[in-house]
PDB file of N, CA and C in Angstrom:
ATOM      1  N   MET A   1      29.041   0.034   7.116  1.00  0.00           N
ATOM      2  CA  MET A   1      30.607   0.188   7.418  1.00  0.00           C
ATOM      3  C   MET A   1      30.639  -0.258   8.704  1.00  0.00           C
ATOM      4  N   ARG A   2      31.943  -0.876   9.693  1.00  0.00           N
ATOM      5  CA  ARG A   2      32.072  -0.913  10.846  1.00  0.00           C
ATOM      6  C   ARG A   2      32.937   0.087  11.385  1.00  0.00           C
ATOM      7  N   THR A   3      32.345   0.623  12.407  1.00  0.00           N
ATOM      8  CA  THR A   3      33.624   1.401  12.997  1.00  0.00           C
ATOM      9  C   THR A   3      34.685   0.772  13.942  1.00  0.00           C
ATOM     10  N   VAL A   4      35.725   1.371  13.435  1.00  0.00           N
ATOM     11  CA  VAL A   4      37.000   1.080  13.847  1.00  0.00           C
ATOM     12  C   VAL A   4      37.416   2.304  14.843  1.00  0.00           C
ATOM     13  N   SER A   5      36.625   3.411  15.249  1.00  0.00           N
ATOM     14  CA  SER A   5      37.330   4.869  16.193  1.00  0.00           C
ATOM     15  C   SER A   5      36.345   4.927  17.145  1.00  0.00           C
ATOM     16  N   ASP A   6      36.493   5.999  18.013  1.00  0.00           N
ATOM     17  CA  ASP A   6      35.920   6.351  18.956  1.00  0.00           C
ATOM     18  C   ASP A   6      35.527   7.505  18.982  1.00  0.00           C
ATOM     19  N   ALA A   7      35.340   8.435  17.704  1.00  0.00           N
ATOM     20  CA  ALA A   7      35.477   9.689  17.270  1.00  0.00           C
ATOM     21  C   ALA A   7      33.791  10.238  17.403  1.00  0.00           C
ATOM     22  N   MET A   8      33.297   9.050  17.778  1.00  0.00           N
ATOM     23  CA  MET A   8      31.572   9.855  17.902  1.00  0.00           C
ATOM     24  C   MET A   8      31.300   9.521  18.986  1.00  0.00           C
ATOM     25  N   ILE A   9      31.724   8.812  19.873  1.00  0.00           N
ATOM     26  CA  ILE A   9      31.479   8.346  21.026  1.00  0.00           C
ATOM     27  C   ILE A   9      30.209   8.949  21.683  1.00  0.00           C
ATOM     28  N   SER A  10      30.363  10.563  21.845  1.00  0.00           N
ATOM     29  CA  SER A  10      29.408  11.282  22.666  1.00  0.00           C
ATOM     30  C   SER A  10      28.159  11.168  22.584  1.00  0.00           C
ATOM     31  N   ILE A  11      27.920  10.526  20.586  1.00  0.00           N
ATOM     32  CA  ILE A  11      26.267  10.527  20.449  1.00  0.00           C
ATOM     33  C   ILE A  11      25.888   8.870  20.370  1.00  0.00           C
ATOM     34  N   GLY A  12      26.829   8.231  21.308  1.00  0.00           N
ATOM     35  CA  GLY A  12      26.576   7.264  21.166  1.00  0.00           C
ATOM     36  C   GLY A  12      26.900   5.710  19.842  1.00  0.00           C
ATOM     37  N   ILE A  13      27.864   6.204  19.374  1.00  0.00           N
ATOM     38  CA  ILE A  13      28.207   5.591  18.374  1.00  0.00           C
ATOM     39  C   ILE A  13      29.956   4.561  18.387  1.00  0.00           C
ATOM     40  N   PHE A  14      30.137   3.662  18.840  1.00  0.00           N
ATOM     41  CA  PHE A  14      31.118   3.162  19.232  1.00  0.00           C
ATOM     42  C   PHE A  14      31.994   2.502  18.423  1.00  0.00           C
ATOM     43  N   ILE A  15      33.288   2.260  19.255  1.00  0.00           N
ATOM     44  CA  ILE A  15      33.863   0.892  18.340  1.00  0.00           C
ATOM     45  C   ILE A  15      33.545  -0.598  17.656  1.00  0.00           C
ATOM     46  N   GLY A  16      33.596  -0.853  16.981  1.00  0.00           N
ATOM     47  CA  GLY A  16      32.541  -2.069  16.299  1.00  0.00           C
ATOM     48  C   GLY A  16      31.425  -1.782  15.866  1.00  0.00           C
ATOM     49  N   ASP A  17      30.509  -0.796  16.189  1.00  0.00           N
ATOM     50  CA  ASP A  17      28.955  -0.777  15.611  1.00  0.00           C
ATOM     51  C   ASP A  17      29.328  -0.815  14.135  1.00  0.00           C
ATOM     52  N   LEU A  18      28.205  -0.898  13.869  1.00  0.00           N
ATOM     53  CA  LEU A  18      27.611  -1.468  12.437  1.00  0.00           C
ATOM     54  C   LEU A  18      26.534   0.352  11.764  1.00  0.00           C
ATOM     55  N   VAL A  19      27.264   0.815  11.070  1.00  0.00           N
ATOM     56  CA  VAL A  19      26.713   1.644  10.477  1.00  0.00           C
ATOM     57  C   VAL A  19      26.158   1.904   8.993  1.00  0.00           C
ATOM     58  N   VAL A  20      24.755   2.109   8.874  1.00  0.00           N
ATOM     59  CA  VAL A  20      23.986   1.794   7.960  1.00  0.00           C
ATOM     60  C   VAL A  20      24.371   3.316   7.074  1.00  0.00           C
ATOM     61  N   VAL A  21      24.394   3.642   6.145  1.00  0.00           N
ATOM     62  CA  VAL A  21      24.742   3.888   4.799  1.00  0.00           C
ATOM     63  C   VAL A  21      24.225   4.544   3.796  1.00  0.00           C
ATOM     64  N   ASP A  22      23.458   5.570   3.399  1.00  0.00           N
ATOM     65  CA  ASP A  22      22.631   5.937   2.217  1.00  0.00           C
ATOM     66  C   ASP A  22      23.999   6.713   1.618  1.00  0.00           C
ATOM     67  N   ARG A  23      23.765   6.249   0.410  1.00  0.00           N
ATOM     68  CA  ARG A  23      24.809   7.020  -0.371  1.00  0.00           C
ATOM     69  C   ARG A  23      24.081   8.038  -1.558  1.00  0.00           C
ATOM     70  N   SER A  24      22.811   7.741  -1.336  1.00  0.00           N
ATOM     71  CA  SER A  24      22.096   8.900  -2.947  1.00  0.00           C
ATOM     72  C   SER A  24      21.430  10.462  -2.200  1.00  0.00           C
ATOM     73  N   ILE A  25      21.945  10.178  -0.460  1.00  0.00           N
ATOM     74  CA  ILE A  25      21.076  11.286  -0.018  1.00  0.00           C
ATOM     75  C   ILE A  25      22.729  12.440   0.013  1.00  0.00           C
ATOM     76  N   THR A  26      22.008  13.809  -0.297  1.00  0.00           N
ATOM     77  CA  THR A  26      23.043  14.722   0.024  1.00  0.00           C
ATOM     78  C   THR A  26      23.218  15.493   0.866  1.00  0.00           C
ATOM     79  N   PRO A  27      24.720  15.368   1.993  1.00  0.00           N
ATOM     80  CA  PRO A  27      24.450  15.901   3.089  1.00  0.00           C
ATOM     81  C   PRO A  27      23.792  17.090   3.635  1.00  0.00           C
ATOM     82  N   GLU A  28      23.503  17.724   4.643  1.00  0.00           N
ATOM     83  CA  GLU A  28      23.065  18.730   5.177  1.00  0.00           C
ATOM     84  C   GLU A  28      23.561  18.993   6.608  1.00  0.00           C
ATOM     85  N   ASN A  29      23.844  20.143   6.930  1.00  0.00           N
ATOM     86  CA  ASN A  29      24.439  20.479   8.114  1.00  0.00           C
ATOM     87  C   ASN A  29      24.287  19.322   9.431  1.00  0.00           C
ATOM     88  N   GLY A  30      24.834  19.722  10.098  1.00  0.00           N
ATOM     89  CA  GLY A  30      24.487  18.454  11.523  1.00  0.00           C
ATOM     90  C   GLY A  30      24.610  16.859  11.334  1.00  0.00           C
ATOM     91  N   GLN A  31      24.266  16.237   9.974  1.00  0.00           N
ATOM     92  CA  GLN A  31      24.427  14.918   9.469  1.00  0.00           C
ATOM     93  C   GLN A  31      25.563  14.088   9.847  1.00  0.00           C
ATOM     94  N   VAL A  32      25.679  12.988   9.985  1.00  0.00           N
ATOM     95  CA  VAL A  32      26.370  11.964  10.475  1.00  0.00           C
ATOM     96  C   VAL A  32      26.827  11.853   9.001  1.00  0.00           C
ATOM     97  N   VAL A  33      28.176  11.654   8.504  1.00  0.00           N
ATOM     98  CA  VAL A  33      28.393  11.165   7.364  1.00  0.00           C
ATOM     99  C   VAL A  33      29.880  10.357   7.439  1.00  0.00           C
ATOM    100  N   VAL A  34      29.863   9.159   6.287  1.00  0.00           N
ATOM    101  CA  VAL A  34      30.616   9.188   6.576  1.00  0.00           C
ATOM    102  C   VAL A  34      31.616   9.121   4.922  1.00  0.00           C
ATOM    103  N   ALA A  35      33.137   9.195   5.306  1.00  0.00           N
ATOM    104  CA  ALA A  35      33.628   9.845   4.392  1.00  0.00           C
ATOM    105  C   ALA A  35      34.787   9.022   4.056  1.00  0.00           C
ATOM    106  N   THR A  36      35.718   8.967   3.005  1.00  0.00           N
ATOM    107  CA  THR A  36      36.980   7.959   2.646  1.00  0.00           C
ATOM    108  C   THR A  36      38.215   9.231   3.396  1.00  0.00           C
ATOM    109  N   TYR A  37      39.184   9.007   4.110  1.00  0.00           N
ATOM    110  CA  TYR A  37      40.233   9.851   4.320  1.00  0.00           C
ATOM    111  C   TYR A  37      41.437   9.053   4.569  1.00  0.00           C
ATOM    112  N   GLY A  38      42.363   9.358   3.930  1.00  0.00           N
ATOM    113  CA  GLY A  38      43.855   8.328   3.961  1.00  0.00           C
ATOM    114  C   GLY A  38      43.431   6.515   3.953  1.00  0.00           C
ATOM    115  N   GLY A  39      42.524   6.591   2.868  1.00  0.00           N
ATOM    116  CA  GLY A  39      42.487   5.157   2.242  1.00  0.00           C
ATOM    117  C   GLY A  39      41.319   4.611   3.089  1.00  0.00           C
ATOM    118  N   GLU A  40      40.685   5.443   4.353  1.00  0.00           N
ATOM    119  CA  GLU A  40      39.943   4.857   5.085  1.00  0.00           C
ATOM    120  C   GLU A  40      38.536   5.251   5.348  1.00  0.00           C
ATOM    121  N   LEU A  41      37.603   4.456   5.526  1.00  0.00           N
ATOM    122  CA  LEU A  41      36.400   5.198   6.149  1.00  0.00           C
ATOM    123  C   LEU A  41      36.081   5.491   7.507  1.00  0.00           C
ATOM    124  N   ILE A  42      35.716   6.768   7.449  1.00  0.00           N
ATOM    125  CA  ILE A  42      35.658   7.807   8.748  1.00  0.00           C
ATOM    126  C   ILE A  42      34.217   8.116   8.691  1.00  0.00           C
ATOM    127  N   ILE A  43      33.643   8.537  10.384  1.00  0.00           N
ATOM    128  CA  ILE A  43      32.385   8.661  10.636  1.00  0.00           C
ATOM    129  C   ILE A  43      32.394  10.004  11.344  1.00  0.00           C
ATOM    130  N   ARG A  44      31.955  11.230  10.487  1.00  0.00           N
ATOM    131  CA  ARG A  44      32.236  12.544  11.483  1.00  0.00           C
ATOM    132  C   ARG A  44      30.898  13.277  11.154  1.00  0.00           C
ATOM    133  N   ARG A  45      30.328  14.319  11.975  1.00  0.00           N
ATOM    134  CA  ARG A  45      29.140  15.315  11.780  1.00  0.00           C
ATOM    135  C   ARG A  45      29.832  16.378  10.628  1.00  0.00           C
ATOM    136  N   TYR A  46      28.810  16.335   9.520  1.00  0.00           N
ATOM    137  CA  TYR A  46      29.014  17.241   8.620  1.00  0.00           C
ATOM    138  C   TYR A  46      28.878  18.834   8.870  1.00  0.00           C
ATOM    139  N   TYR A  47      29.093  19.622   8.157  1.00  0.00           N
ATOM    140  CA  TYR A  47      29.142  20.928   8.403  1.00  0.00           C
ATOM    141  C   TYR A  47      29.575  21.870   7.279  1.00  0.00           C
ATOM    142  N   ASN A  48      28.267  22.318   6.313  1.00  0.00           N
ATOM    143  CA  ASN A  48      28.957  23.481   5.374  1.00  0.00           C
ATOM    144  C   ASN A  48      28.900  25.032   5.783  1.00  0.00           C
ATOM    145  N   ASP A  49      29.935  25.670   5.973  1.00  0.00           N
ATOM    146  CA  ASP A  49      29.705  27.151   6.501  1.00  0.00           C
ATOM    147  C   ASP A  49      30.225  27.846   5.269  1.00  0.00           C
ATOM    148  N   ASN A  50      29.141  28.305   4.250  1.00  0.00           N
ATOM    149  CA  ASN A  50      29.516  29.111   3.510  1.00  0.00           C
ATOM    150  C   ASN A  50      30.751  28.894   2.394  1.00  0.00           C
ATOM    151  N   GLY A  51      30.201  27.352   2.056  1.00  0.00           N
ATOM    152  CA  GLY A  51      31.284  26.476   1.126  1.00  0.00           C
ATOM    153  C   GLY A  51      32.984  26.235   1.662  1.00  0.00           C
ATOM    154  N   ILE A  52      32.740  26.166   2.976  1.00  0.00           N
ATOM    155  CA  ILE A  52      34.003  25.434   3.662  1.00  0.00           C
ATOM    156  C   ILE A  52      32.998  24.590   4.272  1.00  0.00           C
ATOM    157  N   ILE A  53      33.659  23.135   4.223  1.00  0.00           N
ATOM    158  CA  ILE A  53      33.143  21.765   4.886  1.00  0.00           C
ATOM    159  C   ILE A  53      34.012  21.681   5.713  1.00  0.00           C
ATOM    160  N   LEU A  54      33.107  21.309   6.980  1.00  0.00           N
ATOM    161  CA  LEU A  54      34.046  20.730   7.914  1.00  0.00           C
ATOM    162  C   LEU A  54      33.380  19.059   8.495  1.00  0.00           C
ATOM    163  N   LEU A  55      34.502  18.513   8.778  1.00  0.00           N
ATOM    164  CA  LEU A  55      33.794  17.135   9.362  1.00  0.00           C
ATOM    165  C   LEU A  55      34.025  17.293  10.723  1.00  0.00           C
ATOM    166  N   LEU A  56      33.477  17.077  11.849  1.00  0.00           N
ATOM    167  CA  LEU A  56      33.338  17.297  13.384  1.00  0.00           C
ATOM    168  C   LEU A  56      33.100  16.085  13.973  1.00  0.00           C
ATOM    169  N   PRO A  57      34.568  15.716  14.711  1.00  0.00           N
ATOM    170  CA  PRO A  57      34.310  14.205  15.776  1.00  0.00           C
ATOM    171  C   PRO A  57      32.913  15.089  16.782  1.00  0.00           C
ATOM    172  N   GLU A  58      32.702  13.762  17.557  1.00  0.00           N
ATOM    173  CA  GLU A  58      31.736  14.090  18.923  1.00  0.00           C
ATOM    174  C   GLU A  58      32.651  13.498  19.952  1.00  0.00           C
ATOM    175  N   ASN A  59      34.086  13.666  19.513  1.00  0.00           N
ATOM    176  CA  ASN A  59      35.147  13.002  20.255  1.00  0.00           C
ATOM    177  C   ASN A  59      36.287  14.160  20.931  1.00  0.00           C
ATOM    178  N   ASP A  60      36.366  14.852  21.964  1.00  0.00           N
ATOM    179  CA  ASP A  60      37.282  15.670  22.329  1.00  0.00           C
ATOM    180  C   ASP A  60      39.101  15.307  21.918  1.00  0.00           C
ATOM    181  N   ASN A  61      38.656  14.276  21.864  1.00  0.00           N
ATOM    182  CA  ASN A  61      40.465  13.258  21.620  1.00  0.00           C
ATOM    183  C   ASN A  61      40.850  13.600  19.832  1.00  0.00           C
ATOM    184  N   TYR A  62      39.959  14.127  19.482  1.00  0.00           N
ATOM    185  CA  TYR A  62      40.004  13.906  17.897  1.00  0.00           C
ATOM    186  C   TYR A  62      39.735  15.436  17.333  1.00  0.00           C
ATOM    187  N   THR A  63      40.326  15.589  16.191  1.00  0.00           N
ATOM    188  CA  THR A  63      40.226  17.008  15.585  1.00  0.00           C
ATOM    189  C   THR A  63      39.040  17.220  14.569  1.00  0.00           C
ATOM    190  N   SER A  64      38.660  18.309  14.541  1.00  0.00           N
ATOM    191  CA  SER A  64      37.962  18.539  13.017  1.00  0.00           C
ATOM    192  C   SER A  64      38.824  18.558  12.224  1.00  0.00           C
ATOM    193  N   ILE A  65      37.967  18.022  10.915  1.00  0.00           N
ATOM    194  CA  ILE A  65      38.656  18.108   9.093  1.00  0.00           C
ATOM    195  C   ILE A  65      38.159  18.984   8.376  1.00  0.00           C
ATOM    196  N   ASN A  66      39.090  19.409   7.902  1.00  0.00           N
ATOM    197  CA  ASN A  66      38.754  20.767   6.816  1.00  0.00           C
ATOM    198  C   ASN A  66      38.312  20.422   5.445  1.00  0.00           C
ATOM    199  N   VAL A  67      37.289  19.803   5.153  1.00  0.00           N
ATOM    200  CA  VAL A  67      37.337  19.171   4.004  1.00  0.00           C
ATOM    201  C   VAL A  67      37.789  19.709   2.284  1.00  0.00           C
ATOM    202  N   THR A  68      37.218  21.184   2.667  1.00  0.00           N
ATOM    203  CA  THR A  68      38.041  22.155   1.482  1.00  0.00           C
ATOM    204  C   THR A  68      39.534  22.096   1.369  1.00  0.00           C
ATOM    205  N   THR A  69      39.868  22.345   2.367  1.00  0.00           N
ATOM    206  CA  THR A  69      41.828  22.450   2.262  1.00  0.00           C
ATOM    207  C   THR A  69      42.221  21.283   2.512  1.00  0.00           C
ATOM    208  N   THR A  70      41.760  20.082   2.734  1.00  0.00           N
ATOM    209  CA  THR A  70      42.262  18.550   2.875  1.00  0.00           C
ATOM    210  C   THR A  70      42.154  17.998   1.611  1.00  0.00           C
ATOM    211  N   PRO A  71      43.511  17.434   0.858  1.00  0.00           N
ATOM    212  CA  PRO A  71      42.920  16.854  -0.549  1.00  0.00           C
ATOM    213  C   PRO A  71      42.798  15.446  -0.205  1.00  0.00           C
ATOM    214  N   GLY A  72      42.249  14.565  -1.024  1.00  0.00           N
ATOM    215  CA  GLY A  72      41.705  13.166  -0.943  1.00  0.00           C
ATOM    216  C   GLY A  72      40.669  12.895   0.087  1.00  0.00           C
ATOM    217  N   ILE A  73      39.596  13.769   0.572  1.00  0.00           N
ATOM    218  CA  ILE A  73      38.851  13.401   1.508  1.00  0.00           C
ATOM    219  C   ILE A  73      37.522  13.523   0.519  1.00  0.00           C
ATOM    220  N   VAL A  74      36.534  12.234   0.334  1.00  0.00           N
ATOM    221  CA  VAL A  74      35.189  12.058  -0.453  1.00  0.00           C
ATOM    222  C   VAL A  74      34.242  12.029   0.572  1.00  0.00           C
ATOM    223  N   ILE A  75      33.052  12.167   0.605  1.00  0.00           N
ATOM    224  CA  ILE A  75      32.051  12.431   1.712  1.00  0.00           C
ATOM    225  C   ILE A  75      31.609  11.026   1.201  1.00  0.00           C
ATOM    226  N   TRP A  76      31.443  10.185   1.122  1.00  0.00           N
ATOM    227  CA  TRP A  76      30.780   9.004   0.742  1.00  0.00           C
ATOM    228  C   TRP A  76      29.291   8.654   1.045  1.00  0.00           C
ATOM    229  N   GLY A  77      28.675   9.030   2.388  1.00  0.00           N
ATOM    230  CA  GLY A  77      27.056   8.989   2.411  1.00  0.00           C
ATOM    231  C   GLY A  77      26.740   9.333   3.480  1.00  0.00           C
ATOM    232  N   ILE A  78      25.694   9.296   3.890  1.00  0.00           N
ATOM    233  CA  ILE A  78      24.860   9.776   4.879  1.00  0.00           C
ATOM    234  C   ILE A  78      24.516   8.725   6.175  1.00  0.00           C
ATOM    235  N   ALA A  79      24.509   8.587   7.327  1.00  0.00           N
ATOM    236  CA  ALA A  79      24.666   7.666   8.364  1.00  0.00           C
ATOM    237  C   ALA A  79      23.125   8.052   8.828  1.00  0.00           C
ATOM    238  N   THR A  80      22.379   6.610   8.234  1.00  0.00           N
ATOM    239  CA  THR A  80      21.067   6.637   8.712  1.00  0.00           C
ATOM    240  C   THR A  80      20.887   5.899   9.747  1.00  0.00           C
ATOM    241  N   ALA A  81      21.493   4.603  10.210  1.00  0.00           N
ATOM    242  CA  ALA A  81      21.003   3.600  11.367  1.00  0.00           C
ATOM    243  C   ALA A  81      22.553   3.195  11.848  1.00  0.00           C
ATOM    244  N   VAL A  82      22.571   3.062  12.987  1.00  0.00           N
ATOM    245  CA  VAL A  82      23.579   2.378  13.940  1.00  0.00           C
ATOM    246  C   VAL A  82      23.139   1.474  14.757  1.00  0.00           C
ATOM    247  N   ILE A  83      23.565   0.225  14.303  1.00  0.00           N
ATOM    248  CA  ILE A  83      23.410  -1.311  15.530  1.00  0.00           C
ATOM    249  C   ILE A  83      25.036  -1.491  16.298  1.00  0.00           C
ATOM    250  N   HIS A  84      23.975  -1.336  17.136  1.00  0.00           N
ATOM    251  CA  HIS A  84      25.022  -1.538  18.467  1.00  0.00           C
ATOM    252  C   HIS A  84      24.991  -3.073  18.779  1.00  0.00           C
ATOM    253  N   LYS A  85      26.000  -3.643  18.653  1.00  0.00           N
ATOM    254  CA  LYS A  85      26.052  -4.499  19.332  1.00  0.00           C
ATOM    255  C   LYS A  85      26.825  -4.847  20.867  1.00  0.00           C
ATOM    256  N   PHE A  86      26.180  -5.595  21.588  1.00  0.00           N
ATOM    257  CA  PHE A  86      26.341  -5.157  23.458  1.00  0.00           C
ATOM    258  C   PHE A  86      27.239  -6.539  23.797  1.00  0.00           C
TER     259      PHE A  86
END
């Protein structure tokens, strides 16, 4: 997927970067995941706190998403690599 937001900028994922996604891996806490939200693919950090699943941005201009209480979010896969274009 190609990123369209700067929600993960503080960990070096920028707008236009190409993210390699593995859909066969089950997410673990702290991993960067790709999810569908509002008809778009988003990239966020995954946390499961006793069944409450949160998707956290790495940019203070964005808010976290509570997957447990927000309908329509599907964890699509784990980001395994990022290709940054200069």
